[in-house]
Amino acid sequence: MDILLWLVAPALVTVGAMVWVSWLGREGRGEVDRDVAVQRLQKALEKDHRSKHPVRPDRVADRSTGIAVRPTRR
């Protein structure tokens, strides 16, 4: 039972730190003006979002028969 009493202090410190950090995190979240949000969305939608790498064609999967067969040469 004495061992469990040693765990009370660290548990209280941990819970206190979690409450403190969550309270500090609330300050950084402000309301974004609706017009500003619409302008940001419009700017993001107007960007050209082409990928840097060309799209690869889909691979044709070989039919698996469960038996090792050497491919025939054509």
PDB file of N, CA and C in Angstrom:
ATOM      1  N   MET A   1       0.816  -1.191   0.000  1.00  0.00           N
ATOM      2  CA  MET A   1       0.000   0.000   0.000  1.00  0.00           C
ATOM      3  C   MET A   1       0.860   1.256   0.000  1.00  0.00           C
ATOM      4  N   ASP A   2       2.032   1.173   0.652  1.00  0.00           N
ATOM      5  CA  ASP A   2       2.935   2.326   0.697  1.00  0.00           C
ATOM      6  C   ASP A   2       3.433   2.708  -0.693  1.00  0.00           C
ATOM      7  N   ILE A   3       3.600   1.711  -1.546  1.00  0.00           N
ATOM      8  CA  ILE A   3       4.074   1.994  -2.905  1.00  0.00           C
ATOM      9  C   ILE A   3       3.041   2.819  -3.659  1.00  0.00           C
ATOM     10  N   LEU A   4       1.777   2.526  -3.468  1.00  0.00           N
ATOM     11  CA  LEU A   4       0.734   3.284  -4.156  1.00  0.00           C
ATOM     12  C   LEU A   4       0.692   4.738  -3.693  1.00  0.00           C
ATOM     13  N   LEU A   5       1.021   4.986  -2.427  1.00  0.00           N
ATOM     14  CA  LEU A   5       1.051   6.361  -1.936  1.00  0.00           C
ATOM     15  C   LEU A   5       2.172   7.165  -2.594  1.00  0.00           C
ATOM     16  N   TRP A   6       3.266   6.509  -2.971  1.00  0.00           N
ATOM     17  CA  TRP A   6       4.343   7.190  -3.680  1.00  0.00           C
ATOM     18  C   TRP A   6       3.900   7.611  -5.074  1.00  0.00           C
ATOM     19  N   LEU A   7       2.942   6.936  -5.626  1.00  0.00           N
ATOM     20  CA  LEU A   7       2.483   7.263  -6.980  1.00  0.00           C
ATOM     21  C   LEU A   7       1.492   8.422  -7.011  1.00  0.00           C
ATOM     22  N   VAL A   8       0.980   8.830  -5.855  1.00  0.00           N
ATOM     23  CA  VAL A   8      -0.013   9.906  -5.818  1.00  0.00           C
ATOM     24  C   VAL A   8       0.604  11.226  -6.262  1.00  0.00           C
ATOM     25  N   ALA A   9       1.771  11.563  -5.753  1.00  0.00           N
ATOM     26  CA  ALA A   9       2.407  12.843  -6.090  1.00  0.00           C
ATOM     27  C   ALA A   9       2.716  12.952  -7.588  1.00  0.00           C
ATOM     28  N   PRO A  10       3.346  11.956  -8.211  1.00  0.00           N
ATOM     29  CA  PRO A  10       3.599  12.071  -9.650  1.00  0.00           C
ATOM     30  C   PRO A  10       2.305  12.120 -10.476  1.00  0.00           C
ATOM     31  N   ALA A  11       1.285  11.413 -10.032  1.00  0.00           N
ATOM     32  CA  ALA A  11       0.014  11.446 -10.760  1.00  0.00           C
ATOM     33  C   ALA A  11      -0.616  12.828 -10.677  1.00  0.00           C
ATOM     34  N   LEU A  12      -0.560  13.453  -9.504  1.00  0.00           N
ATOM     35  CA  LEU A  12      -1.106  14.811  -9.366  1.00  0.00           C
ATOM     36  C   LEU A  12      -0.322  15.817 -10.199  1.00  0.00           C
ATOM     37  N   VAL A  13       0.992  15.682 -10.233  1.00  0.00           N
ATOM     38  CA  VAL A  13       1.817  16.577 -11.042  1.00  0.00           C
ATOM     39  C   VAL A  13       1.494  16.393 -12.524  1.00  0.00           C
ATOM     40  N   THR A  14       1.326  15.153 -12.952  1.00  0.00           N
ATOM     41  CA  THR A  14       1.003  14.881 -14.352  1.00  0.00           C
ATOM     42  C   THR A  14      -0.350  15.465 -14.730  1.00  0.00           C
ATOM     43  N   VAL A  15      -1.344  15.254 -13.910  1.00  0.00           N
ATOM     44  CA  VAL A  15      -2.683  15.791 -14.181  1.00  0.00           C
ATOM     45  C   VAL A  15      -2.641  17.319 -14.173  1.00  0.00           C
ATOM     46  N   GLY A  16      -1.910  17.903 -13.231  1.00  0.00           N
ATOM     47  CA  GLY A  16      -1.788  19.363 -13.186  1.00  0.00           C
ATOM     48  C   GLY A  16      -1.118  19.912 -14.430  1.00  0.00           C
ATOM     49  N   ALA A  17      -0.083  19.234 -14.923  1.00  0.00           N
ATOM     50  CA  ALA A  17       0.595  19.671 -16.137  1.00  0.00           C
ATOM     51  C   ALA A  17      -0.328  19.567 -17.342  1.00  0.00           C
ATOM     52  N   MET A  18      -1.122  18.506 -17.404  1.00  0.00           N
ATOM     53  CA  MET A  18      -2.052  18.355 -18.531  1.00  0.00           C
ATOM     54  C   MET A  18      -3.099  19.454 -18.519  1.00  0.00           C
ATOM     55  N   VAL A  19      -3.611  19.798 -17.350  1.00  0.00           N
ATOM     56  CA  VAL A  19      -4.610  20.871 -17.249  1.00  0.00           C
ATOM     57  C   VAL A  19      -3.985  22.203 -17.625  1.00  0.00           C
ATOM     58  N   TRP A  20      -2.776  22.453 -17.156  1.00  0.00           N
ATOM     59  CA  TRP A  20      -2.091  23.719 -17.438  1.00  0.00           C
ATOM     60  C   TRP A  20      -1.821  23.876 -18.934  1.00  0.00           C
ATOM     61  N   VAL A  21      -1.330  22.829 -19.583  1.00  0.00           N
ATOM     62  CA  VAL A  21      -1.033  22.893 -21.009  1.00  0.00           C
ATOM     63  C   VAL A  21      -2.312  23.051 -21.816  1.00  0.00           C
ATOM     64  N   SER A  22      -3.362  22.361 -21.443  1.00  0.00           N
ATOM     65  CA  SER A  22      -4.609  22.491 -22.190  1.00  0.00           C
ATOM     66  C   SER A  22      -5.192  23.894 -22.025  1.00  0.00           C
ATOM     67  N   TRP A  23      -5.005  24.499 -20.879  1.00  0.00           N
ATOM     68  CA  TRP A  23      -5.504  25.862 -20.667  1.00  0.00           C
ATOM     69  C   TRP A  23      -4.693  26.855 -21.488  1.00  0.00           C
ATOM     70  N   LEU A  24      -3.384  26.669 -21.572  1.00  0.00           N
ATOM     71  CA  LEU A  24      -2.555  27.566 -22.375  1.00  0.00           C
ATOM     72  C   LEU A  24      -2.857  27.417 -23.859  1.00  0.00           C
ATOM     73  N   GLY A  25      -3.189  26.223 -24.295  1.00  0.00           N
ATOM     74  CA  GLY A  25      -3.485  25.990 -25.701  1.00  0.00           C
ATOM     75  C   GLY A  25      -4.756  26.670 -26.160  1.00  0.00           C
ATOM     76  N   ARG A  26      -5.638  26.993 -25.251  1.00  0.00           N
ATOM     77  CA  ARG A  26      -6.894  27.643 -25.614  1.00  0.00           C
ATOM     78  C   ARG A  26      -6.672  29.071 -26.082  1.00  0.00           C
ATOM     79  N   GLU A  27      -5.630  29.728 -25.615  1.00  0.00           N
ATOM     80  CA  GLU A  27      -5.397  31.132 -25.934  1.00  0.00           C
ATOM     81  C   GLU A  27      -5.037  31.320 -27.408  1.00  0.00           C
ATOM     82  N   GLY A  28      -4.349  30.358 -28.014  1.00  0.00           N
ATOM     83  CA  GLY A  28      -3.859  30.525 -29.377  1.00  0.00           C
ATOM     84  C   GLY A  28      -4.925  30.371 -30.444  1.00  0.00           C
ATOM     85  N   ARG A  29      -6.085  29.882 -30.092  1.00  0.00           N
ATOM     86  CA  ARG A  29      -7.121  29.639 -31.087  1.00  0.00           C
ATOM     87  C   ARG A  29      -8.068  30.821 -31.141  1.00  0.00           C
ATOM     88  N   GLY A  30      -7.930  31.606 -32.193  1.00  0.00           N
ATOM     89  CA  GLY A  30      -8.812  32.743 -32.355  1.00  0.00           C
ATOM     90  C   GLY A  30      -9.792  32.480 -33.488  1.00  0.00           C
ATOM     91  N   GLU A  31     -10.827  33.244 -33.526  1.00  0.00           N
ATOM     92  CA  GLU A  31     -11.795  33.118 -34.600  1.00  0.00           C
ATOM     93  C   GLU A  31     -11.210  33.712 -35.881  1.00  0.00           C
ATOM     94  N   VAL A  32     -11.363  33.027 -36.964  1.00  0.00           N
ATOM     95  CA  VAL A  32     -10.912  33.512 -38.260  1.00  0.00           C
ATOM     96  C   VAL A  32     -12.094  34.198 -38.923  1.00  0.00           C
ATOM     97  N   ASP A  33     -11.827  35.374 -39.455  1.00  0.00           N
ATOM     98  CA  ASP A  33     -12.874  36.124 -40.136  1.00  0.00           C
ATOM     99  C   ASP A  33     -13.380  35.315 -41.328  1.00  0.00           C
ATOM    100  N   ARG A  34     -14.672  35.315 -41.536  1.00  0.00           N
ATOM    101  CA  ARG A  34     -15.267  34.514 -42.599  1.00  0.00           C
ATOM    102  C   ARG A  34     -14.755  34.936 -43.973  1.00  0.00           C
ATOM    103  N   ASP A  35     -14.614  36.233 -44.195  1.00  0.00           N
ATOM    104  CA  ASP A  35     -14.117  36.715 -45.485  1.00  0.00           C
ATOM    105  C   ASP A  35     -12.673  36.277 -45.728  1.00  0.00           C
ATOM    106  N   VAL A  36     -11.862  36.301 -44.673  1.00  0.00           N
ATOM    107  CA  VAL A  36     -10.479  35.858 -44.805  1.00  0.00           C
ATOM    108  C   VAL A  36     -10.438  34.371 -45.124  1.00  0.00           C
ATOM    109  N   ALA A  37     -11.281  33.592 -44.480  1.00  0.00           N
ATOM    110  CA  ALA A  37     -11.321  32.149 -44.738  1.00  0.00           C
ATOM    111  C   ALA A  37     -11.753  31.862 -46.169  1.00  0.00           C
ATOM    112  N   VAL A  38     -12.715  32.621 -46.682  1.00  0.00           N
ATOM    113  CA  VAL A  38     -13.172  32.426 -48.063  1.00  0.00           C
ATOM    114  C   VAL A  38     -12.057  32.780 -49.034  1.00  0.00           C
ATOM    115  N   GLN A  39     -11.315  33.846 -48.761  1.00  0.00           N
ATOM    116  CA  GLN A  39     -10.214  34.232 -49.641  1.00  0.00           C
ATOM    117  C   GLN A  39      -9.115  33.172 -49.636  1.00  0.00           C
ATOM    118  N   ARG A  40      -8.810  32.614 -48.470  1.00  0.00           N
ATOM    119  CA  ARG A  40      -7.800  31.552 -48.398  1.00  0.00           C
ATOM    120  C   ARG A  40      -8.241  30.327 -49.181  1.00  0.00           C
ATOM    121  N   LEU A  41      -9.514  29.964 -49.051  1.00  0.00           N
ATOM    122  CA  LEU A  41     -10.033  28.810 -49.773  1.00  0.00           C
ATOM    123  C   LEU A  41      -9.981  29.047 -51.275  1.00  0.00           C
ATOM    124  N   GLN A  42     -10.368  30.239 -51.707  1.00  0.00           N
ATOM    125  CA  GLN A  42     -10.344  30.561 -53.134  1.00  0.00           C
ATOM    126  C   GLN A  42      -8.913  30.504 -53.669  1.00  0.00           C
ATOM    127  N   LYS A  43      -7.966  31.032 -52.914  1.00  0.00           N
ATOM    128  CA  LYS A  43      -6.568  31.015 -53.335  1.00  0.00           C
ATOM    129  C   LYS A  43      -6.054  29.582 -53.459  1.00  0.00           C
ATOM    130  N   ALA A  44      -6.435  28.727 -52.506  1.00  0.00           N
ATOM    131  CA  ALA A  44      -5.987  27.334 -52.541  1.00  0.00           C
ATOM    132  C   ALA A  44      -6.613  26.578 -53.707  1.00  0.00           C
ATOM    133  N   LEU A  45      -7.876  26.879 -54.031  1.00  0.00           N
ATOM    134  CA  LEU A  45      -8.543  26.176 -55.122  1.00  0.00           C
ATOM    135  C   LEU A  45      -8.031  26.615 -56.489  1.00  0.00           C
ATOM    136  N   GLU A  46      -7.509  27.826 -56.588  1.00  0.00           N
ATOM    137  CA  GLU A  46      -7.018  28.321 -57.874  1.00  0.00           C
ATOM    138  C   GLU A  46      -5.629  27.805 -58.207  1.00  0.00           C
ATOM    139  N   LYS A  47      -4.910  27.257 -57.240  1.00  0.00           N
ATOM    140  CA  LYS A  47      -3.569  26.746 -57.489  1.00  0.00           C
ATOM    141  C   LYS A  47      -3.623  25.546 -58.421  1.00  0.00           C
ATOM    142  N   ASP A  48      -2.536  25.401 -59.174  1.00  0.00           N
ATOM    143  CA  ASP A  48      -2.410  24.243 -60.054  1.00  0.00           C
ATOM    144  C   ASP A  48      -1.778  23.120 -59.239  1.00  0.00           C
ATOM    145  N   HIS A  49      -2.545  22.097 -58.937  1.00  0.00           N
ATOM    146  CA  HIS A  49      -2.085  21.011 -58.068  1.00  0.00           C
ATOM    147  C   HIS A  49      -1.682  19.795 -58.887  1.00  0.00           C
ATOM    148  N   ARG A  50      -0.758  19.973 -59.768  1.00  0.00           N
ATOM    149  CA  ARG A  50      -0.259  18.822 -60.532  1.00  0.00           C
ATOM    150  C   ARG A  50       0.849  18.164 -59.737  1.00  0.00           C
ATOM    151  N   SER A  51       0.885  16.874 -59.797  1.00  0.00           N
ATOM    152  CA  SER A  51       1.913  16.160 -59.048  1.00  0.00           C
ATOM    153  C   SER A  51       3.251  16.282 -59.768  1.00  0.00           C
ATOM    154  N   LYS A  52       4.322  16.163 -59.005  1.00  0.00           N
ATOM    155  CA  LYS A  52       5.661  16.257 -59.581  1.00  0.00           C
ATOM    156  C   LYS A  52       6.013  15.013 -60.374  1.00  0.00           C
ATOM    157  N   HIS A  53       5.428  13.907 -59.994  1.00  0.00           N
ATOM    158  CA  HIS A  53       5.734  12.642 -60.645  1.00  0.00           C
ATOM    159  C   HIS A  53       4.577  12.258 -61.563  1.00  0.00           C
ATOM    160  N   PRO A  54       4.892  11.752 -62.747  1.00  0.00           N
ATOM    161  CA  PRO A  54       3.795  11.332 -63.628  1.00  0.00           C
ATOM    162  C   PRO A  54       3.044  10.145 -63.040  1.00  0.00           C
ATOM    163  N   VAL A  55       1.800  10.060 -63.378  1.00  0.00           N
ATOM    164  CA  VAL A  55       0.972   8.974 -62.875  1.00  0.00           C
ATOM    165  C   VAL A  55       1.349   7.694 -63.600  1.00  0.00           C
ATOM    166  N   ARG A  56       1.607   6.646 -62.814  1.00  0.00           N
ATOM    167  CA  ARG A  56       1.967   5.365 -63.407  1.00  0.00           C
ATOM    168  C   ARG A  56       0.706   4.614 -63.819  1.00  0.00           C
ATOM    169  N   PRO A  57       0.768   3.918 -64.932  1.00  0.00           N
ATOM    170  CA  PRO A  57      -0.393   3.096 -65.309  1.00  0.00           C
ATOM    171  C   PRO A  57      -0.555   1.933 -64.341  1.00  0.00           C
ATOM    172  N   ASP A  58      -1.765   1.449 -64.220  1.00  0.00           N
ATOM    173  CA  ASP A  58      -2.033   0.331 -63.324  1.00  0.00           C
ATOM    174  C   ASP A  58      -1.311  -0.912 -63.822  1.00  0.00           C
ATOM    175  N   ARG A  59      -0.745  -1.663 -62.874  1.00  0.00           N
ATOM    176  CA  ARG A  59      -0.070  -2.897 -63.231  1.00  0.00           C
ATOM    177  C   ARG A  59      -1.108  -3.976 -63.501  1.00  0.00           C
ATOM    178  N   VAL A  60      -0.837  -4.752 -64.506  1.00  0.00           N
ATOM    179  CA  VAL A  60      -1.713  -5.890 -64.800  1.00  0.00           C
ATOM    180  C   VAL A  60      -1.237  -7.042 -63.928  1.00  0.00           C
ATOM    181  N   ALA A  61      -2.085  -7.457 -63.033  1.00  0.00           N
ATOM    182  CA  ALA A  61      -1.703  -8.519 -62.110  1.00  0.00           C
ATOM    183  C   ALA A  61      -1.758  -9.868 -62.812  1.00  0.00           C
ATOM    184  N   ASP A  62      -0.707 -10.655 -62.611  1.00  0.00           N
ATOM    185  CA  ASP A  62      -0.698 -12.003 -63.168  1.00  0.00           C
ATOM    186  C   ASP A  62      -1.655 -12.869 -62.369  1.00  0.00           C
ATOM    187  N   ARG A  63      -2.323 -13.740 -63.081  1.00  0.00           N
ATOM    188  CA  ARG A  63      -3.226 -14.651 -62.405  1.00  0.00           C
ATOM    189  C   ARG A  63      -2.411 -15.678 -61.656  1.00  0.00           C
ATOM    190  N   SER A  64      -2.627 -15.780 -60.373  1.00  0.00           N
ATOM    191  CA  SER A  64      -1.870 -16.717 -59.562  1.00  0.00           C
ATOM    192  C   SER A  64      -2.588 -18.054 -59.527  1.00  0.00           C
ATOM    193  N   THR A  65      -1.855 -19.092 -59.888  1.00  0.00           N
ATOM    194  CA  THR A  65      -2.431 -20.424 -59.868  1.00  0.00           C
ATOM    195  C   THR A  65      -1.936 -21.220 -58.674  1.00  0.00           C
ATOM    196  N   GLY A  66      -0.973 -20.682 -57.945  1.00  0.00           N
ATOM    197  CA  GLY A  66      -0.435 -21.407 -56.805  1.00  0.00           C
ATOM    198  C   GLY A  66       0.672 -22.368 -57.190  1.00  0.00           C
ATOM    199  N   ILE A  67       0.966 -22.458 -58.483  1.00  0.00           N
ATOM    200  CA  ILE A  67       2.016 -23.346 -58.955  1.00  0.00           C
ATOM    201  C   ILE A  67       3.068 -22.491 -59.632  1.00  0.00           C
ATOM    202  N   ALA A  68       4.336 -22.764 -59.347  1.00  0.00           N
ATOM    203  CA  ALA A  68       5.409 -22.011 -59.956  1.00  0.00           C
ATOM    204  C   ALA A  68       5.548 -22.436 -61.409  1.00  0.00           C
ATOM    205  N   VAL A  69       5.294 -21.514 -62.318  1.00  0.00           N
ATOM    206  CA  VAL A  69       5.380 -21.811 -63.749  1.00  0.00           C
ATOM    207  C   VAL A  69       6.321 -20.799 -64.376  1.00  0.00           C
ATOM    208  N   ARG A  70       7.229 -21.302 -65.193  1.00  0.00           N
ATOM    209  CA  ARG A  70       8.139 -20.389 -65.881  1.00  0.00           C
ATOM    210  C   ARG A  70       7.380 -19.674 -66.997  1.00  0.00           C
ATOM    211  N   PRO A  71       7.654 -18.381 -67.145  1.00  0.00           N
ATOM    212  CA  PRO A  71       6.960 -17.665 -68.215  1.00  0.00           C
ATOM    213  C   PRO A  71       7.434 -18.139 -69.589  1.00  0.00           C
ATOM    214  N   THR A  72       6.526 -18.198 -70.508  1.00  0.00           N
ATOM    215  CA  THR A  72       6.875 -18.622 -71.863  1.00  0.00           C
ATOM    216  C   THR A  72       7.475 -17.440 -72.612  1.00  0.00           C
ATOM    217  N   ARG A  73       8.435 -17.740 -73.467  1.00  0.00           N
ATOM    218  CA  ARG A  73       9.083 -16.688 -74.263  1.00  0.00           C
ATOM    219  C   ARG A  73       8.304 -16.508 -75.567  1.00  0.00           C
ATOM    220  N   ARG A  74       8.074 -15.299 -75.907  1.00  0.00           N
ATOM    221  CA  ARG A  74       7.335 -15.038 -77.134  1.00  0.00           C
ATOM    222  C   ARG A  74       8.215 -14.323 -78.134  1.00  0.00           C
TER     223      ARG A  74
END
